[in-house]
Amino acid sequence: MADSEPKQVGDEFIEDDGTVVDEKEKALEGVYDLVLPPGVPYKVIMEAVEKYNLEVTTRKCALKTIDVESENLLVLRGELESVNNAHDYIYKKLSEKYNYKRR
C-alpha cells in the first residue's frame, strides 16, 4: 500500500481541521498581495517595487470582467503597510497619467 493511499476505509473523506500548516503557508504569514490588473505600466510597477521594498510574483486569479479561465496575474507581495502604500502610489501615478478623478 502506497503512502498516498488511505490507511482505513473512509480516510479519504476526513476533513482537514487546519492544525497542519506546511512550510509554504508559514512563510506567507504576515505577507499580503496586491494583485495588479493587466495593463499597469512596467515602469510604475518597478517604481513601486523599489520604493516600498516589495516582491514581484504571479498568482492565479479569476477575472470577472471577461469570460476566461483563471490566469496568472502579477502580484506585489510584502508587509501590509508597504502593499497599501504601493496601491496608493500606483493609483496616483495612473490617475495622473490618465487624468482620472474620483467621483
N, C-alpha and C. Protein backbone atom coordinates (compact mmCIF):
# COMPACT_ATOMS: atom_id res chain seq x y z
N MET A 1 0.85 -1.17 0.00
CA MET A 1 0.00 0.00 0.00
C MET A 1 0.90 1.24 0.00
N ALA A 2 0.66 2.17 -0.91
CA ALA A 2 1.46 3.39 -1.01
C ALA A 2 1.05 4.37 0.09
N ASP A 3 1.97 5.27 0.45
CA ASP A 3 1.70 6.26 1.49
C ASP A 3 0.55 7.20 1.13
N SER A 4 0.33 7.46 -0.16
CA SER A 4 -0.73 8.38 -0.56
C SER A 4 -2.11 7.76 -0.48
N GLU A 5 -2.19 6.45 -0.36
CA GLU A 5 -3.48 5.79 -0.27
C GLU A 5 -4.00 5.86 1.16
N PRO A 6 -5.32 5.91 1.33
CA PRO A 6 -5.89 5.94 2.68
C PRO A 6 -5.54 4.68 3.46
N LYS A 7 -5.28 4.83 4.74
CA LYS A 7 -4.93 3.70 5.61
C LYS A 7 -6.17 2.91 6.03
N GLN A 8 -7.28 3.61 6.15
CA GLN A 8 -8.53 2.98 6.58
C GLN A 8 -9.63 3.39 5.61
N VAL A 9 -10.66 2.60 5.53
CA VAL A 9 -11.80 2.95 4.68
C VAL A 9 -12.42 4.22 5.25
N GLY A 10 -12.64 5.20 4.40
CA GLY A 10 -13.24 6.46 4.83
C GLY A 10 -12.23 7.55 5.12
N ASP A 11 -10.92 7.21 5.21
CA ASP A 11 -9.91 8.23 5.50
C ASP A 11 -9.90 9.33 4.44
N GLU A 12 -10.25 8.98 3.22
CA GLU A 12 -10.21 9.99 2.17
C GLU A 12 -11.28 11.06 2.35
N PHE A 13 -12.23 10.84 3.25
CA PHE A 13 -13.31 11.80 3.48
C PHE A 13 -13.09 12.64 4.74
N ILE A 14 -12.02 12.40 5.47
CA ILE A 14 -11.75 13.17 6.68
C ILE A 14 -11.32 14.57 6.27
N GLU A 15 -11.98 15.57 6.86
CA GLU A 15 -11.66 16.96 6.54
C GLU A 15 -10.45 17.42 7.34
N ASP A 16 -9.67 18.28 6.71
CA ASP A 16 -8.51 18.87 7.38
C ASP A 16 -9.01 19.85 8.43
N ASP A 17 -8.57 19.70 9.66
CA ASP A 17 -9.02 20.57 10.74
C ASP A 17 -8.19 21.85 10.83
N GLY A 18 -7.26 22.05 9.94
CA GLY A 18 -6.48 23.28 9.90
C GLY A 18 -5.30 23.31 10.85
N THR A 19 -5.03 22.23 11.56
CA THR A 19 -3.92 22.23 12.50
C THR A 19 -2.59 21.98 11.82
N VAL A 20 -2.62 21.39 10.64
CA VAL A 20 -1.39 21.12 9.91
C VAL A 20 -1.10 22.31 9.00
N VAL A 21 0.04 22.94 9.20
CA VAL A 21 0.43 24.09 8.38
C VAL A 21 1.76 23.74 7.73
N ASP A 22 1.79 23.80 6.41
CA ASP A 22 3.03 23.44 5.73
C ASP A 22 4.00 24.63 5.69
N GLU A 23 5.21 24.36 5.26
CA GLU A 23 6.27 25.36 5.24
C GLU A 23 5.90 26.58 4.39
N LYS A 24 5.25 26.34 3.25
CA LYS A 24 4.88 27.42 2.36
C LYS A 24 3.91 28.39 3.03
N GLU A 25 2.92 27.83 3.76
CA GLU A 25 1.95 28.67 4.45
C GLU A 25 2.61 29.46 5.56
N LYS A 26 3.55 28.85 6.28
CA LYS A 26 4.25 29.56 7.36
C LYS A 26 5.04 30.74 6.80
N ALA A 27 5.65 30.55 5.64
CA ALA A 27 6.45 31.61 5.03
C ALA A 27 5.58 32.79 4.59
N LEU A 28 4.30 32.53 4.32
CA LEU A 28 3.41 33.59 3.85
C LEU A 28 2.62 34.28 4.96
N GLU A 29 2.82 33.87 6.21
CA GLU A 29 2.13 34.54 7.31
C GLU A 29 2.60 35.98 7.42
N GLY A 30 1.66 36.91 7.53
CA GLY A 30 2.01 38.32 7.65
C GLY A 30 2.40 38.96 6.34
N VAL A 31 2.23 38.25 5.23
CA VAL A 31 2.56 38.76 3.90
C VAL A 31 1.26 38.97 3.14
N TYR A 32 1.17 40.09 2.43
CA TYR A 32 -0.04 40.44 1.70
C TYR A 32 0.26 40.61 0.22
N ASP A 33 -0.76 40.39 -0.61
CA ASP A 33 -0.62 40.51 -2.06
C ASP A 33 -1.47 41.65 -2.59
N LEU A 34 -0.90 42.40 -3.51
CA LEU A 34 -1.63 43.40 -4.27
C LEU A 34 -1.67 42.88 -5.70
N VAL A 35 -2.84 42.41 -6.13
CA VAL A 35 -2.99 41.87 -7.48
C VAL A 35 -3.11 43.04 -8.45
N LEU A 36 -2.26 43.03 -9.47
CA LEU A 36 -2.25 44.12 -10.45
C LEU A 36 -3.08 43.74 -11.66
N PRO A 37 -3.98 44.61 -12.06
CA PRO A 37 -4.76 44.31 -13.27
C PRO A 37 -3.88 44.39 -14.50
N PRO A 38 -4.23 43.65 -15.53
CA PRO A 38 -3.45 43.74 -16.78
C PRO A 38 -3.44 45.17 -17.29
N GLY A 39 -2.29 45.60 -17.80
CA GLY A 39 -2.20 46.93 -18.38
C GLY A 39 -1.48 47.95 -17.52
N VAL A 40 -1.14 47.60 -16.28
CA VAL A 40 -0.38 48.54 -15.45
C VAL A 40 1.01 48.64 -16.05
N PRO A 41 1.48 49.86 -16.32
CA PRO A 41 2.79 50.02 -16.96
C PRO A 41 3.93 49.43 -16.12
N TYR A 42 4.85 48.79 -16.80
CA TYR A 42 6.01 48.16 -16.17
C TYR A 42 6.79 49.16 -15.33
N LYS A 43 6.97 50.37 -15.84
CA LYS A 43 7.74 51.40 -15.15
C LYS A 43 7.11 51.72 -13.78
N VAL A 44 5.80 51.84 -13.73
CA VAL A 44 5.11 52.15 -12.48
C VAL A 44 5.25 51.00 -11.50
N ILE A 45 5.16 49.77 -11.99
CA ILE A 45 5.31 48.59 -11.14
C ILE A 45 6.71 48.57 -10.52
N MET A 46 7.73 48.77 -11.33
CA MET A 46 9.11 48.73 -10.84
C MET A 46 9.40 49.87 -9.86
N GLU A 47 8.83 51.04 -10.10
CA GLU A 47 8.99 52.15 -9.16
C GLU A 47 8.41 51.78 -7.80
N ALA A 48 7.21 51.18 -7.79
CA ALA A 48 6.56 50.78 -6.54
C ALA A 48 7.35 49.69 -5.83
N VAL A 49 7.88 48.73 -6.60
CA VAL A 49 8.67 47.64 -6.02
C VAL A 49 9.90 48.19 -5.30
N GLU A 50 10.60 49.09 -5.97
CA GLU A 50 11.82 49.66 -5.38
C GLU A 50 11.51 50.58 -4.20
N LYS A 51 10.48 51.40 -4.34
CA LYS A 51 10.14 52.39 -3.32
C LYS A 51 9.64 51.74 -2.03
N TYR A 52 8.88 50.65 -2.15
CA TYR A 52 8.24 50.03 -0.99
C TYR A 52 8.79 48.65 -0.64
N ASN A 53 9.91 48.27 -1.26
CA ASN A 53 10.59 47.01 -0.94
C ASN A 53 9.64 45.80 -1.05
N LEU A 54 9.05 45.62 -2.21
CA LEU A 54 8.11 44.53 -2.44
C LEU A 54 8.70 43.50 -3.38
N GLU A 55 8.09 42.34 -3.39
CA GLU A 55 8.50 41.25 -4.28
C GLU A 55 7.46 41.13 -5.39
N VAL A 56 7.91 40.92 -6.60
CA VAL A 56 7.00 40.68 -7.73
C VAL A 56 6.88 39.18 -7.93
N THR A 57 5.65 38.71 -8.00
CA THR A 57 5.40 37.30 -8.24
C THR A 57 4.12 37.18 -9.07
N THR A 58 3.67 35.97 -9.30
CA THR A 58 2.40 35.77 -10.02
C THR A 58 1.46 34.97 -9.15
N ARG A 59 0.18 35.07 -9.48
CA ARG A 59 -0.84 34.35 -8.72
C ARG A 59 -2.00 34.06 -9.67
N LYS A 60 -2.55 32.86 -9.54
CA LYS A 60 -3.72 32.52 -10.35
C LYS A 60 -4.93 33.22 -9.78
N CYS A 61 -5.61 33.99 -10.60
CA CYS A 61 -6.79 34.73 -10.17
C CYS A 61 -7.86 34.63 -11.26
N ALA A 62 -9.10 34.52 -10.82
CA ALA A 62 -10.21 34.51 -11.78
C ALA A 62 -10.55 35.96 -12.13
N LEU A 63 -10.74 36.21 -13.40
CA LEU A 63 -11.15 37.54 -13.85
C LEU A 63 -12.66 37.53 -14.05
N LYS A 64 -13.33 38.44 -13.40
CA LYS A 64 -14.79 38.51 -13.50
C LYS A 64 -15.24 39.34 -14.70
N THR A 65 -14.34 40.16 -15.24
CA THR A 65 -14.75 41.09 -16.30
C THR A 65 -14.87 40.42 -17.66
N ILE A 66 -14.12 39.35 -17.88
CA ILE A 66 -14.20 38.64 -19.15
C ILE A 66 -14.34 37.15 -18.89
N ASP A 67 -14.93 36.45 -19.81
CA ASP A 67 -15.20 35.03 -19.63
C ASP A 67 -14.01 34.19 -20.09
N VAL A 68 -13.05 34.02 -19.19
CA VAL A 68 -11.87 33.20 -19.48
C VAL A 68 -11.53 32.37 -18.25
N GLU A 69 -10.70 31.39 -18.46
CA GLU A 69 -10.19 30.60 -17.34
C GLU A 69 -9.33 31.52 -16.46
N SER A 70 -9.08 31.09 -15.22
CA SER A 70 -8.22 31.90 -14.35
C SER A 70 -6.83 31.97 -14.98
N GLU A 71 -6.18 33.09 -14.76
CA GLU A 71 -4.85 33.26 -15.35
C GLU A 71 -3.88 33.80 -14.32
N ASN A 72 -2.62 33.72 -14.65
CA ASN A 72 -1.60 34.23 -13.75
C ASN A 72 -1.50 35.74 -13.92
N LEU A 73 -1.69 36.46 -12.81
CA LEU A 73 -1.57 37.90 -12.82
C LEU A 73 -0.37 38.30 -11.96
N LEU A 74 0.20 39.46 -12.27
CA LEU A 74 1.30 39.96 -11.47
C LEU A 74 0.79 40.38 -10.11
N VAL A 75 1.61 40.13 -9.10
CA VAL A 75 1.27 40.45 -7.72
C VAL A 75 2.47 41.12 -7.07
N LEU A 76 2.21 42.17 -6.29
CA LEU A 76 3.25 42.75 -5.45
C LEU A 76 3.03 42.20 -4.06
N ARG A 77 4.05 41.61 -3.48
CA ARG A 77 3.93 40.90 -2.19
C ARG A 77 4.83 41.55 -1.15
N GLY A 78 4.26 41.76 0.04
CA GLY A 78 5.05 42.33 1.12
C GLY A 78 4.21 42.55 2.36
N GLU A 79 4.72 43.37 3.27
CA GLU A 79 4.01 43.69 4.50
C GLU A 79 2.80 44.57 4.17
N LEU A 80 1.80 44.54 5.05
CA LEU A 80 0.54 45.23 4.79
C LEU A 80 0.73 46.72 4.51
N GLU A 81 1.51 47.40 5.32
CA GLU A 81 1.70 48.84 5.12
C GLU A 81 2.37 49.13 3.78
N SER A 82 3.36 48.35 3.41
CA SER A 82 4.05 48.53 2.14
C SER A 82 3.12 48.28 0.96
N VAL A 83 2.30 47.24 1.07
CA VAL A 83 1.35 46.91 -0.01
C VAL A 83 0.31 48.03 -0.15
N ASN A 84 -0.19 48.53 0.97
CA ASN A 84 -1.16 49.62 0.92
C ASN A 84 -0.55 50.89 0.33
N ASN A 85 0.69 51.19 0.72
CA ASN A 85 1.37 52.36 0.16
C ASN A 85 1.60 52.20 -1.34
N ALA A 86 1.96 51.00 -1.77
CA ALA A 86 2.17 50.74 -3.19
C ALA A 86 0.86 50.91 -3.96
N HIS A 87 -0.23 50.43 -3.38
CA HIS A 87 -1.55 50.59 -4.01
C HIS A 87 -1.85 52.06 -4.24
N ASP A 88 -1.67 52.88 -3.20
CA ASP A 88 -1.93 54.32 -3.32
C ASP A 88 -1.00 54.97 -4.34
N TYR A 89 0.26 54.56 -4.35
CA TYR A 89 1.24 55.11 -5.28
C TYR A 89 0.86 54.79 -6.73
N ILE A 90 0.53 53.54 -6.99
CA ILE A 90 0.16 53.12 -8.34
C ILE A 90 -1.12 53.83 -8.78
N TYR A 91 -2.08 53.92 -7.89
CA TYR A 91 -3.34 54.62 -8.21
C TYR A 91 -3.06 56.08 -8.56
N LYS A 92 -2.22 56.73 -7.77
CA LYS A 92 -1.88 58.14 -8.00
C LYS A 92 -1.20 58.30 -9.36
N LYS A 93 -0.22 57.44 -9.65
CA LYS A 93 0.51 57.53 -10.92
C LYS A 93 -0.42 57.33 -12.12
N LEU A 94 -1.30 56.33 -12.03
CA LEU A 94 -2.22 56.08 -13.14
C LEU A 94 -3.24 57.20 -13.27
N SER A 95 -3.68 57.76 -12.15
CA SER A 95 -4.62 58.89 -12.18
C SER A 95 -3.99 60.10 -12.85
N GLU A 96 -2.73 60.36 -12.53
CA GLU A 96 -2.03 61.48 -13.15
C GLU A 96 -1.88 61.26 -14.65
N LYS A 97 -1.51 60.04 -15.02
CA LYS A 97 -1.27 59.75 -16.43
C LYS A 97 -2.54 59.85 -17.27
N TYR A 98 -3.65 59.40 -16.72
CA TYR A 98 -4.89 59.35 -17.50
C TYR A 98 -5.89 60.42 -17.06
N ASN A 99 -5.45 61.40 -16.24
CA ASN A 99 -6.30 62.49 -15.78
C ASN A 99 -7.61 61.99 -15.18
N TYR A 100 -7.52 60.94 -14.38
CA TYR A 100 -8.70 60.34 -13.76
C TYR A 100 -8.94 60.99 -12.40
N LYS A 101 -10.20 61.31 -12.12
CA LYS A 101 -10.55 61.87 -10.82
C LYS A 101 -11.68 61.05 -10.23
N ARG A 102 -11.56 60.77 -8.92
CA ARG A 102 -12.63 60.03 -8.24
C ARG A 102 -13.89 60.87 -8.19
N ARG A 103 -15.00 60.20 -8.25
CA ARG A 103 -16.29 60.92 -8.20
C ARG A 103 -16.79 60.98 -6.79
